[in-house]
C-alpha atoms as a PDB file:
ATOM      1  CA  MET A   1     -20.747   2.788 -14.633  1.00  0.00           C
ATOM      2  CA  LEU A   2     -19.364   2.916 -11.100  1.00  0.00           C
ATOM      3  CA  ARG A   3     -18.792  -0.837 -10.947  1.00  0.00           C
ATOM      4  CA  GLY A   4     -16.954  -0.770 -14.257  1.00  0.00           C
ATOM      5  CA  SER A   5     -14.751   2.114 -13.096  1.00  0.00           C
ATOM      6  CA  TRP A   6     -13.817   0.316  -9.901  1.00  0.00           C
ATOM      7  CA  ASN A   7     -12.956  -2.838 -11.805  1.00  0.00           C
ATOM      8  CA  LEU A   8     -10.665  -0.703 -13.987  1.00  0.00           C
ATOM      9  CA  PHE A   9      -8.389   0.431 -11.207  1.00  0.00           C
ATOM     10  CA  ARG A  10      -9.020  -2.048  -8.380  1.00  0.00           C
ATOM     11  CA  ARG A  11      -5.599  -3.517  -9.048  1.00  0.00           C
ATOM     12  CA  PHE A  12      -4.015  -0.070  -9.273  1.00  0.00           C
ATOM     13  CA  ILE A  13      -5.303   0.756  -5.796  1.00  0.00           C
ATOM     14  CA  LEU A  14      -3.618  -2.344  -4.428  1.00  0.00           C
ATOM     15  CA  ILE A  15      -0.319  -2.059  -6.294  1.00  0.00           C
ATOM     16  CA  SER A  16      -0.058   1.638  -5.447  1.00  0.00           C
ATOM     17  CA  LEU A  17       0.046   0.863  -1.771  1.00  0.00           C
ATOM     18  CA  VAL A  18       3.146  -1.346  -1.543  1.00  0.00           C
ATOM     19  CA  LEU A  19       6.439  -0.542   0.271  1.00  0.00           C
ATOM     20  CA  VAL A  20       9.046  -2.047   2.711  1.00  0.00           C
ATOM     21  CA  LEU A  21       9.820  -3.466   6.294  1.00  0.00           C
ATOM     22  CA  THR A  22      11.822  -4.094   9.500  1.00  0.00           C
ATOM     23  CA  ASN A  23      11.655  -4.923  13.218  1.00  0.00           C
ATOM     24  CA  TYR A  24      10.708  -2.248  15.695  1.00  0.00           C
ATOM     25  CA  GLY A  25      10.030  -1.801  19.411  1.00  0.00           C
ATOM     26  CA  CYS A  26       6.789  -0.685  20.981  1.00  0.00           C
ATOM     27  CA  VAL A  27       5.285   0.104  24.376  1.00  0.00           C
ATOM     28  CA  VAL A  28       1.930  -0.364  26.054  1.00  0.00           C
ATOM     29  CA  ALA A  29       0.771   3.082  27.191  1.00  0.00           C
ATOM     30  CA  GLN A  30      -2.145   4.525  29.091  1.00  0.00           C
ATOM     31  CA  ARG A  31      -4.358   7.028  27.292  1.00  0.00           C
ATOM     32  CA  GLU A  32      -6.989   8.690  29.477  1.00  0.00           C
ATOM     33  CA  GLY A  33      -7.234   5.539  31.567  1.00  0.00           C
ATOM     34  CA  SER A  34      -7.322   3.221  28.540  1.00  0.00           C
ATOM     35  CA  SER A  35      -5.039   0.194  28.161  1.00  0.00           C
ATOM     36  CA  ARG A  36      -4.993   0.381  24.373  1.00  0.00           C
ATOM     37  CA  GLN A  37      -1.591  -0.074  22.782  1.00  0.00           C
ATOM     38  CA  VAL A  38       0.128   2.969  21.341  1.00  0.00           C
ATOM     39  CA  THR A  39       3.326   3.283  19.337  1.00  0.00           C
ATOM     40  CA  SER A  40       6.404   4.834  20.889  1.00  0.00           C
ATOM     41  CA  GLY A  41       8.848   7.155  19.150  1.00  0.00           C
ATOM     42  CA  PRO A  42       8.540  10.551  17.434  1.00  0.00           C
ATOM     43  CA  GLY A  43       5.968   9.626  14.797  1.00  0.00           C
ATOM     44  CA  LEU A  44       5.322   8.230  11.366  1.00  0.00           C
ATOM     45  CA  TRP A  45       8.801   9.114  10.128  1.00  0.00           C
ATOM     46  CA  ASP A  46       9.969   6.068  12.115  1.00  0.00           C
ATOM     47  CA  PHE A  47       8.179   3.888   9.571  1.00  0.00           C
ATOM     48  CA  LEU A  48      10.297   5.217   6.698  1.00  0.00           C
ATOM     49  CA  PRO A  49      13.590   3.648   5.568  1.00  0.00           C
ATOM     50  CA  LYS A  50      16.556   5.867   6.375  1.00  0.00           C
ATOM     51  CA  ALA A  51      18.164   5.287   2.972  1.00  0.00           C
ATOM     52  CA  PRO A  52      17.103   4.283  -0.551  1.00  0.00           C
ATOM     53  CA  THR A  53      15.941   0.685  -0.408  1.00  0.00           C
ATOM     54  CA  ILE A  54      15.013  -2.260  -2.596  1.00  0.00           C
ATOM     55  CA  ALA A  55      12.328  -4.700  -1.484  1.00  0.00           C
ATOM     56  CA  ILE A  56      11.184  -7.843  -3.270  1.00  0.00           C
ATOM     57  CA  TYR A  57       7.771  -9.392  -2.647  1.00  0.00           C
ATOM     58  CA  GLU A  58       6.177 -12.589  -3.916  1.00  0.00           C
ATOM     59  CA  GLY A  59       2.627 -13.850  -3.855  1.00  0.00           C
ATOM     60  CA  THR A  60      -0.462 -14.895  -5.784  1.00  0.00           C
ATOM     61  CA  ARG A  61      -3.538 -13.353  -7.369  1.00  0.00           C
ATOM     62  CA  VAL A  62      -6.809 -15.279  -7.743  1.00  0.00           C
ATOM     63  CA  TYR A  63      -9.256 -14.169 -10.460  1.00  0.00           C
ATOM     64  CA  PRO A  64     -13.078 -14.443 -10.431  1.00  0.00           C
ATOM     65  CA  ASP A  65     -12.976 -17.469 -12.758  1.00  0.00           C
ATOM     66  CA  GLY A  66     -10.758 -19.335 -10.261  1.00  0.00           C
ATOM     67  CA  SER A  67      -7.526 -19.013 -12.244  1.00  0.00           C
ATOM     68  CA  THR A  68      -4.376 -17.876 -10.445  1.00  0.00           C
ATOM     69  CA  SER A  69      -1.130 -16.077 -11.234  1.00  0.00           C
ATOM     70  CA  HIS A  70       2.240 -15.820  -9.517  1.00  0.00           C
ATOM     71  CA  ILE A  71       3.538 -12.302  -8.795  1.00  0.00           C
ATOM     72  CA  THR A  72       7.085 -11.026  -8.223  1.00  0.00           C
ATOM     73  CA  HIS A  73       7.129  -7.397  -7.109  1.00  0.00           C
ATOM     74  CA  THR A  74      10.379  -5.362  -6.939  1.00  0.00           C
ATOM     75  CA  SER A  75      10.131  -1.950  -5.250  1.00  0.00           C
ATOM     76  CA  TYR A  76      12.557   1.024  -5.116  1.00  0.00           C
ATOM     77  CA  LEU A  77      11.836   3.747  -2.533  1.00  0.00           C
ATOM     78  CA  ILE A  78      13.432   7.225  -2.292  1.00  0.00           C
ATOM     79  CA  ARG A  79      12.759   9.907   0.362  1.00  0.00           C
ATOM     80  CA  ILE A  80      12.685  13.611  -0.520  1.00  0.00           C
ATOM     81  CA  ASN A  81      12.896  16.116   2.361  1.00  0.00           C
ATOM     82  CA  GLU A  82      10.726  19.224   2.200  1.00  0.00           C
ATOM     83  CA  LYS A  83       9.584  21.913   4.650  1.00  0.00           C
ATOM     84  CA  GLY A  84       7.866  20.184   7.562  1.00  0.00           C
ATOM     85  CA  SER A  85       7.097  17.055   5.553  1.00  0.00           C
ATOM     86  CA  GLU A  86       8.588  14.420   3.327  1.00  0.00           C
ATOM     87  CA  THR A  87       7.673  13.137  -0.083  1.00  0.00           C
ATOM     88  CA  LEU A  88       8.230   9.516  -1.009  1.00  0.00           C
ATOM     89  CA  VAL A  89       8.755   8.562  -4.625  1.00  0.00           C
ATOM     90  CA  ARG A  90       8.525   4.851  -5.302  1.00  0.00           C
ATOM     91  CA  THR A  91       9.038   3.022  -8.558  1.00  0.00           C
ATOM     92  CA  TYR A  92       8.386  -0.655  -8.960  1.00  0.00           C
ATOM     93  CA  GLU A  93       7.893  -3.462 -11.412  1.00  0.00           C
ATOM     94  CA  GLU A  94       5.332  -6.208 -10.947  1.00  0.00           C
ATOM     95  CA  GLU A  95       5.849  -9.328 -13.036  1.00  0.00           C
ATOM     96  CA  GLU A  96       2.756 -11.510 -13.221  1.00  0.00           C
ATOM     97  CA  LYS A  97       2.782 -15.044 -14.643  1.00  0.00           C
ATOM     98  CA  THR A  98      -0.750 -15.849 -15.787  1.00  0.00           C
ATOM     99  CA  ALA A  99      -2.248 -18.853 -17.568  1.00  0.00           C
ATOM    100  CA  LEU A 100      -2.447 -16.749 -20.745  1.00  0.00           C
ATOM    101  CA  GLY A 101       1.122 -15.429 -20.566  1.00  0.00           C
ATOM    102  CA  PRO A 102       3.237 -12.758 -18.841  1.00  0.00           C
ATOM    103  CA  GLN A 103       1.973  -9.361 -17.662  1.00  0.00           C
ATOM    104  CA  LEU A 104       4.304  -6.510 -16.604  1.00  0.00           C
ATOM    105  CA  ASN A 105       3.148  -3.502 -14.579  1.00  0.00           C
ATOM    106  CA  GLU A 106       5.541  -0.541 -14.231  1.00  0.00           C
ATOM    107  CA  VAL A 107       4.444   2.012 -11.628  1.00  0.00           C
ATOM    108  CA  THR A 108       5.665   5.262 -10.069  1.00  0.00           C
ATOM    109  CA  THR A 109       3.804   6.370  -6.951  1.00  0.00           C
ATOM    110  CA  VAL A 110       4.088   9.555  -4.873  1.00  0.00           C
ATOM    111  CA  TYR A 111       3.294   9.688  -1.146  1.00  0.00           C
ATOM    112  CA  GLU A 112       2.904  12.614   1.264  1.00  0.00           C
ATOM    113  CA  VAL A 113       4.359  12.186   4.764  1.00  0.00           C
ATOM    114  CA  THR A 114       3.594  14.607   7.605  1.00  0.00           C
ATOM    115  CA  SER A 115       3.644  14.325  11.403  1.00  0.00           C
ATOM    116  CA  GLY A 116       0.024  13.173  11.245  1.00  0.00           C
ATOM    117  CA  HIS A 117      -0.292  10.852   8.259  1.00  0.00           C
ATOM    118  CA  ILE A 118       1.160   8.967   5.304  1.00  0.00           C
ATOM    119  CA  ALA A 119      -1.022   9.420   2.233  1.00  0.00           C
ATOM    120  CA  LEU A 120      -1.041   8.365  -1.426  1.00  0.00           C
ATOM    121  CA  VAL A 121      -0.974  11.337  -3.827  1.00  0.00           C
ATOM    122  CA  SER A 122      -0.712   9.850  -7.334  1.00  0.00           C
ATOM    123  CA  ALA A 123       0.274   6.822  -9.424  1.00  0.00           C
ATOM    124  CA  ASN A 124       1.632   6.618 -12.981  1.00  0.00           C
ATOM    125  CA  ILE A 125       1.056   3.156 -14.466  1.00  0.00           C
ATOM    126  CA  THR A 126       2.258   1.387 -17.599  1.00  0.00           C
ATOM    127  CA  LYS A 127       0.847  -2.077 -18.291  1.00  0.00           C
ATOM    128  CA  ARG A 128       2.289  -4.413 -20.905  1.00  0.00           C
ATOM    129  CA  GLY A 129       1.242  -8.005 -21.527  1.00  0.00           C
ATOM    130  CA  VAL A 130      -1.614 -10.337 -22.267  1.00  0.00           C
ATOM    131  CA  ILE A 131      -4.063  -8.850 -19.749  1.00  0.00           C
ATOM    132  CA  ALA A 132      -3.668  -5.150 -20.524  1.00  0.00           C
ATOM    133  CA  GLN A 133      -1.707  -2.745 -22.719  1.00  0.00           C
ATOM    134  CA  ARG A 134      -2.146   0.837 -21.554  1.00  0.00           C
ATOM    135  CA  LYS A 135      -0.815   3.857 -19.673  1.00  0.00           C
ATOM    136  CA  GLU A 136      -2.720   5.567 -16.907  1.00  0.00           C
ATOM    137  CA  ARG A 137      -2.306   8.232 -14.252  1.00  0.00           C
ATOM    138  CA  ILE A 138      -4.392   8.211 -11.066  1.00  0.00           C
ATOM    139  CA  ILE A 139      -4.670  11.324  -8.879  1.00  0.00           C
ATOM    140  CA  TYR A 140      -6.178  11.052  -5.373  1.00  0.00           C
ATOM    141  CA  ASN A 141      -7.970  14.189  -4.130  1.00  0.00           C
ATOM    142  CA  PRO A 142      -7.443  14.616  -1.248  1.00  0.00           C
ATOM    143  CA  PRO A 143      -4.476  12.239  -0.832  1.00  0.00           C
ATOM    144  CA  TRP A 144      -5.574   8.796   0.377  1.00  0.00           C
ATOM    145  CA  VAL A 145      -4.533   8.404   4.053  1.00  0.00           C
ATOM    146  CA  LEU A 146      -2.910   4.999   4.522  1.00  0.00           C
ATOM    147  CA  LEU A 147      -1.520   5.437   8.023  1.00  0.00           C
ATOM    148  CA  GLN A 148      -2.561   7.950  10.689  1.00  0.00           C
ATOM    149  CA  TRP A 149      -0.659   9.018  13.819  1.00  0.00           C
ATOM    150  CA  PRO A 150      -0.767   8.116  16.649  1.00  0.00           C
ATOM    151  CA  LEU A 151      -1.350   4.402  16.161  1.00  0.00           C
ATOM    152  CA  ARG A 152      -3.737   3.006  18.755  1.00  0.00           C
ATOM    153  CA  LYS A 153      -5.545  -0.307  18.677  1.00  0.00           C
ATOM    154  CA  GLY A 154      -9.200   0.187  17.812  1.00  0.00           C
ATOM    155  CA  ASP A 155      -8.819   3.678  16.328  1.00  0.00           C
ATOM    156  CA  THR A 156     -10.721   4.380  13.107  1.00  0.00           C
ATOM    157  CA  TRP A 157     -10.929   7.098  10.473  1.00  0.00           C
ATOM    158  CA  GLU A 158     -13.216   7.826   7.535  1.00  0.00           C
ATOM    159  CA  GLN A 159     -12.291   9.598   4.311  1.00  0.00           C
ATOM    160  CA  LYS A 160     -13.933  10.625   1.050  1.00  0.00           C
ATOM    161  CA  VAL A 161     -11.504  10.607  -1.892  1.00  0.00           C
ATOM    162  CA  LEU A 162     -12.076  11.465  -5.540  1.00  0.00           C
ATOM    163  CA  PHE A 163     -10.170   9.155  -7.889  1.00  0.00           C
ATOM    164  CA  ARG A 164      -9.276  10.873 -11.167  1.00  0.00           C
ATOM    165  CA  VAL A 165      -8.111   8.404 -13.824  1.00  0.00           C
ATOM    166  CA  GLU A 166      -6.369   9.872 -16.872  1.00  0.00           C
ATOM    167  CA  THR A 167      -5.888   7.646 -19.925  1.00  0.00           C
ATOM    168  CA  GLU A 168      -5.745   8.079 -23.707  1.00  0.00           C
ATOM    169  CA  ARG A 169      -9.498   8.603 -23.494  1.00  0.00           C
ATOM    170  CA  ALA A 170     -11.292  11.355 -21.572  1.00  0.00           C
ATOM    171  CA  PRO A 171     -10.450  11.551 -17.824  1.00  0.00           C
ATOM    172  CA  GLU A 172     -12.851   9.780 -15.481  1.00  0.00           C
ATOM    173  CA  GLU A 173     -13.601  10.682 -11.870  1.00  0.00           C
ATOM    174  CA  VAL A 174     -15.038   8.281  -9.297  1.00  0.00           C
ATOM    175  CA  PRO A 175     -15.822   9.152  -5.655  1.00  0.00           C
ATOM    176  CA  ALA A 176     -14.863   6.707  -2.918  1.00  0.00           C
ATOM    177  CA  HIS A 177     -15.734   6.436   0.779  1.00  0.00           C
ATOM    178  CA  ILE A 178     -12.908   4.660   2.636  1.00  0.00           C
ATOM    179  CA  SER A 179     -13.213   3.267   6.167  1.00  0.00           C
ATOM    180  CA  SER A 180     -10.016   2.445   8.094  1.00  0.00           C
ATOM    181  CA  VAL A 181      -9.394   0.638  11.387  1.00  0.00           C
ATOM    182  CA  VAL A 182      -6.260  -0.136  13.434  1.00  0.00           C
ATOM    183  CA  ARG A 183      -6.521  -3.797  14.471  1.00  0.00           C
ATOM    184  CA  GLY A 184      -3.422  -3.708  16.679  1.00  0.00           C
ATOM    185  CA  GLU A 185      -0.031  -5.371  16.770  1.00  0.00           C
ATOM    186  CA  GLU A 186       0.845  -8.706  15.188  1.00  0.00           C
ATOM    187  CA  ILE A 187       4.118 -10.619  14.919  1.00  0.00           C
ATOM    188  CA  LEU A 188       4.691 -12.167  11.499  1.00  0.00           C
ATOM    189  CA  HIS A 189       7.172 -14.910  10.593  1.00  0.00           C
ATOM    190  CA  THR A 190       8.408 -13.966   7.118  1.00  0.00           C
ATOM    191  CA  PRO A 191      11.236 -15.134   4.813  1.00  0.00           C
ATOM    192  CA  VAL A 192      13.307 -12.198   6.150  1.00  0.00           C
ATOM    193  CA  GLY A 193      12.694 -13.137   9.776  1.00  0.00           C
ATOM    194  CA  LYS A 194      10.345 -12.455  12.665  1.00  0.00           C
ATOM    195  CA  VAL A 195       8.769  -8.989  12.375  1.00  0.00           C
ATOM    196  CA  ARG A 196       6.601  -6.991  14.775  1.00  0.00           C
ATOM    197  CA  THR A 197       3.912  -5.138  12.812  1.00  0.00           C
ATOM    198  CA  TRP A 198       0.798  -3.024  13.075  1.00  0.00           C
ATOM    199  CA  ARG A 199      -2.232  -4.329  11.177  1.00  0.00           C
ATOM    200  CA  ILE A 200      -4.387  -1.759   9.354  1.00  0.00           C
ATOM    201  CA  GLU A 201      -7.566  -2.638   7.443  1.00  0.00           C
ATOM    202  CA  GLN A 202      -9.259  -0.398   4.855  1.00  0.00           C
ATOM    203  CA  THR A 203     -12.559  -0.925   3.063  1.00  0.00           C
ATOM    204  CA  VAL A 204     -13.764   0.918  -0.044  1.00  0.00           C
ATOM    205  CA  ARG A 205     -17.518   1.022   0.485  1.00  0.00           C
ATOM    206  CA  GLU A 206     -18.569   1.477  -3.151  1.00  0.00           C
ATOM    207  CA  ASP A 207     -16.819  -1.685  -4.316  1.00  0.00           C
ATOM    208  CA  LYS A 208     -16.781  -3.596  -1.009  1.00  0.00           C
ATOM    209  CA  GLU A 209     -13.061  -4.100  -1.597  1.00  0.00           C
ATOM    210  CA  LYS A 210     -10.983  -4.768   1.529  1.00  0.00           C
ATOM    211  CA  PHE A 211      -7.252  -4.133   1.933  1.00  0.00           C
ATOM    212  CA  ILE A 212      -5.153  -5.449   4.835  1.00  0.00           C
ATOM    213  CA  TYR A 213      -1.660  -4.061   5.530  1.00  0.00           C
ATOM    214  CA  TRP A 214       1.027  -5.093   7.993  1.00  0.00           C
ATOM    215  CA  TRP A 215       3.295  -2.098   8.687  1.00  0.00           C
ATOM    216  CA  ALA A 216       6.714  -2.256  10.376  1.00  0.00           C
ATOM    217  CA  ARG A 217       9.056   0.493  11.469  1.00  0.00           C
ATOM    218  CA  GLY A 218      11.996   1.470   9.313  1.00  0.00           C
ATOM    219  CA  ARG A 219      10.894  -0.313   6.143  1.00  0.00           C
ATOM    220  CA  TRP A 220       7.154   0.198   5.874  1.00  0.00           C
ATOM    221  CA  LEU A 221       5.063  -2.736   4.596  1.00  0.00           C
ATOM    222  CA  VAL A 222       5.857  -6.378   5.296  1.00  0.00           C
ATOM    223  CA  LYS A 223       2.738  -7.909   3.810  1.00  0.00           C
ATOM    224  CA  TRP A 224      -0.582  -6.907   2.238  1.00  0.00           C
ATOM    225  CA  GLN A 225      -3.742  -8.513   0.940  1.00  0.00           C
ATOM    226  CA  SER A 226      -6.811  -7.525  -1.072  1.00  0.00           C
ATOM    227  CA  LYS A 227     -10.155  -9.267  -0.738  1.00  0.00           C
ATOM    228  CA  GLY A 228     -12.956  -8.738  -3.225  1.00  0.00           C
ATOM    229  CA  ARG A 229     -13.590  -9.596  -6.856  1.00  0.00           C
ATOM    230  CA  GLU A 230      -9.899 -10.475  -7.136  1.00  0.00           C
ATOM    231  CA  ASN A 231      -7.892 -11.752  -4.165  1.00  0.00           C
ATOM    232  CA  THR A 232      -4.199 -10.892  -3.908  1.00  0.00           C
ATOM    233  CA  SER A 233      -1.628 -11.680  -1.221  1.00  0.00           C
ATOM    234  CA  LEU A 234       2.006 -10.516  -1.262  1.00  0.00           C
ATOM    235  CA  GLU A 235       4.773 -10.915   1.325  1.00  0.00           C
ATOM    236  CA  ILE A 236       8.302  -9.567   1.437  1.00  0.00           C
ATOM    237  CA  VAL A 237      11.035 -12.117   0.670  1.00  0.00           C
ATOM    238  CA  GLU A 238      14.120  -9.871   0.437  1.00  0.00           C
ATOM    239  CA  PHE A 239      15.168  -6.405   1.617  1.00  0.00           C
ATOM    240  CA  LYS A 240      18.402  -4.535   0.928  1.00  0.00           C
ATOM    241  CA  GLU A 241      19.977  -1.139   0.425  1.00  0.00           C
ATOM    242  CA  PRO A 242      21.360  -0.431  -3.055  1.00  0.00           C
ATOM    243  CA  ALA A 243      25.123  -0.506  -3.557  1.00  0.00           C
ATOM    244  CA  ARG A 244      26.605   2.981  -3.217  1.00  0.00           C
END
């Protein structure tokens, strides 16, 4: 039952966690005598784009039977200011070219941003194509913490999240224990240039699914991967602000 539930929204977990990128500066600081790296600046708001943005990613997905598909992912991100926090609303389309034919995923995700974390609140998903034809809504209780402030190499956090999946059938709830670790800074050479990033790894214990994210200031994610029953890797290839 649990394995089947995780297989149902493994891909939704991954595609709900996608955003945008840019270069940023950092410092090496001392913390109680430690030489661990720590980010500079006022906080996690520095990782958010300052205006509505469009980001395009490309990559591949490998299925358990060894077949592969090519993915083009186009993301639109909008910031909404609220009291003491910000809400991010992101809509995106993911076009997947499989051996059986095309698959289109249309998703709207909501994120909570405070001075201490960036967390995933919900995802509305419409899938059309040869692999799946359905609509779903996923609610994360409490919100799934993707990034935690301050960022220091070696820091970890644990979280228990209840995934509530609402479909045409009866809602289903699945508990998850998520382990996160900050691996430190990495410089990536991408199609949009050289980017300084922070690498975060998250593991969902129940499904042994691993997610790796490379975050950059100003435009969020540069690259991400999933490793498990299905393996997916996506990297940004274009970034721009919409015409006003």
